[in-house]
Protein backbone atom coordinates (compact mmCIF):
# COMPACT_ATOMS: atom_id res chain seq x y z
CA MET A 1 12.25 -8.66 -5.13
CA SER A 2 13.96 -5.08 -6.09
CA LYS A 3 12.17 -5.10 -9.44
CA LYS A 4 8.91 -5.59 -7.71
CA LEU A 5 9.61 -2.16 -5.72
CA SER A 6 10.47 -0.39 -8.54
CA VAL A 7 7.70 -1.04 -10.17
CA LEU A 8 5.66 -0.36 -7.46
CA ASN A 9 8.03 2.89 -6.71
CA PHE A 10 6.99 4.07 -10.61
CA LEU A 11 2.69 3.42 -9.89
CA SER A 12 3.01 5.36 -6.70
CA VAL A 13 4.70 8.32 -8.70
CA ILE A 14 2.11 8.00 -11.11
CA LEU A 15 -0.99 7.46 -9.03
CA VAL A 16 0.11 10.92 -6.98
CA ILE A 17 0.52 12.87 -10.13
CA ALA A 18 -3.33 11.68 -11.32
CA VAL A 19 -4.67 12.39 -8.13
CA ASN A 20 -2.76 15.98 -7.70
CA TYR A 21 -4.09 16.65 -11.40
CA LEU A 22 -7.77 15.32 -10.51
CA ALA A 23 -7.48 17.24 -7.68
CA GLN A 24 -6.47 20.27 -9.40
CA THR A 25 -9.43 20.20 -11.64
CA GLY A 26 -12.08 19.94 -9.23
CA GLN A 27 -13.27 16.57 -9.53
CA PHE A 28 -13.25 15.55 -5.69
CA SER A 29 -14.81 18.09 -4.15
CA ASN A 30 -15.96 20.72 -6.94
CA ASN A 31 -13.11 22.86 -5.77
CA THR A 32 -9.84 23.90 -7.12
CA MET A 33 -7.36 25.52 -5.53
CA ALA A 34 -7.70 29.20 -6.86
CA SER A 35 -11.88 28.22 -5.74
CA LEU A 36 -10.56 27.81 -2.42
CA SER A 37 -7.87 30.48 -2.23
CA ARG A 38 -10.74 32.94 -3.15
CA GLU A 39 -13.43 31.33 -0.37
CA TYR A 40 -11.31 31.90 2.62
CA ASP A 41 -9.25 35.21 3.94
CA ASN A 42 -5.64 34.88 3.92
CA LEU A 43 -2.78 37.10 4.20
CA PHE A 44 -1.23 35.97 1.73
CA THR A 45 -1.95 33.80 -0.85
CA PRO A 46 1.55 33.18 -3.49
CA ALA A 47 1.31 33.81 -7.62
CA GLY A 48 0.12 31.07 -9.68
CA TYR A 49 3.18 30.73 -11.53
CA ALA A 50 5.01 29.59 -7.89
CA PHE A 51 3.27 26.44 -8.07
CA SER A 52 5.17 25.67 -11.16
CA ILE A 53 7.32 24.56 -9.34
CA TRP A 54 5.36 21.20 -8.69
CA GLY A 55 6.01 20.60 -12.31
CA ILE A 56 9.57 19.89 -12.16
CA ILE A 57 9.28 18.03 -8.91
CA PHE A 58 6.96 15.72 -10.77
CA ILE A 59 9.12 14.94 -13.53
CA SER A 60 11.63 14.38 -11.12
CA LEU A 61 9.88 11.98 -8.95
CA LEU A 62 9.36 10.33 -12.37
CA PHE A 63 13.08 10.38 -13.25
CA TYR A 64 14.29 8.62 -10.06
CA ALA A 65 10.94 6.18 -10.01
CA GLN A 66 12.62 4.85 -13.38
CA LYS A 67 16.08 4.06 -11.50
CA LEU A 68 16.35 0.16 -11.57
CA VAL A 69 18.57 -1.39 -8.92
CA LEU A 70 19.63 -4.81 -9.36
CA GLU A 71 20.67 -7.29 -6.94
CA PRO A 72 23.55 -9.68 -8.36
CA VAL A 73 22.68 -13.56 -9.07
CA PHE A 74 26.36 -14.57 -7.80
CA LYS A 75 29.44 -13.18 -5.64
CA TYR A 76 32.96 -14.65 -5.76
CA ASN A 77 35.82 -13.87 -3.68
CA LEU A 78 34.00 -10.44 -2.12
CA PRO A 79 35.64 -8.47 0.64
CA GLY A 80 34.81 -7.69 3.67
CA ILE A 81 37.23 -5.30 4.35
CA ILE A 82 40.70 -3.57 1.96
CA PRO A 83 43.58 -2.39 3.98
CA GLU A 84 44.65 1.01 2.80
CA GLY A 85 47.26 0.83 0.25
CA LYS A 86 45.77 -3.06 -0.73
CA THR A 87 43.88 -3.83 -4.26
CA ALA A 88 41.46 -6.75 -3.63
CA ARG A 89 39.92 -8.48 -7.11
CA PHE A 90 36.79 -9.95 -6.72
CA VAL A 91 33.68 -10.73 -9.44
CA VAL A 92 30.04 -9.34 -9.20
CA VAL A 93 27.26 -11.38 -11.77
CA LEU A 94 24.50 -9.28 -12.67
CA PRO A 95 21.40 -10.64 -13.81
CA LYS A 96 21.06 -10.40 -18.12
CA PHE A 97 20.00 -7.36 -19.21
CA SER A 98 20.18 -4.53 -21.45
CA ILE A 99 19.85 -0.72 -22.54
CA ALA A 100 19.20 1.38 -25.18
CA GLY A 101 22.09 3.15 -27.11
CA ASP A 102 21.73 6.45 -25.79
CA LYS A 103 21.96 4.91 -21.76
CA VAL A 104 24.56 4.21 -19.83
CA VAL A 105 24.53 2.00 -16.59
CA VAL A 106 26.13 3.12 -13.66
CA ILE A 107 27.69 0.53 -11.00
CA ASP A 108 27.71 2.45 -7.75
CA LEU A 109 30.00 1.28 -5.22
CA LYS A 110 29.69 2.38 -1.84
CA GLU A 111 32.13 2.27 1.33
CA LEU A 112 30.12 1.08 4.39
CA ASN A 113 30.06 3.39 6.98
CA GLY A 114 32.49 5.87 4.65
CA GLU A 115 32.79 8.48 2.90
CA ARG A 116 34.35 6.19 -0.57
CA ASP A 117 32.17 5.94 -3.53
CA LEU A 118 33.34 5.06 -6.64
CA LYS A 119 30.93 5.02 -9.97
CA LEU A 120 31.65 2.45 -12.90
CA ARG A 121 30.17 3.78 -16.04
CA ILE A 122 29.55 1.17 -18.33
CA ARG A 123 28.07 2.19 -22.28
CA LYS A 124 25.99 0.49 -24.55
CA ARG A 125 28.72 -1.38 -26.62
CA VAL A 126 30.03 -3.24 -23.39
CA VAL A 127 26.54 -4.58 -21.79
CA ASN A 128 24.78 -5.79 -25.25
CA ASN A 129 27.95 -6.99 -26.92
CA PRO A 130 30.33 -8.00 -24.33
CA ASP A 131 32.48 -9.84 -26.79
């Protein structure tokens, strides 16, 4: 299910960018933001470069939309609570996947209703060649 949501998330970001492009080029109502700004009196009109922040926002959305959440296919000995000062060993099996050479897999373990956050960074060599 999470893969379907990831694909839907990515497609929605592409749709938002496409609709914004069409709106800015006047495809919807033959008006652009600049023509509407000139048409109506306004006490404050930002400079054109102020809108360049949207480029950064859209690029950030594209990067975020590519974040893939993998749900475990198997869990063994997964503790509900690990008491302070104690350790626990458990196994979590993820679906088979591979990554590009310059990428890193990050497994993020977060404490439920707490502040602790453990990030495990695993390189391509371990994921693609586990021997």
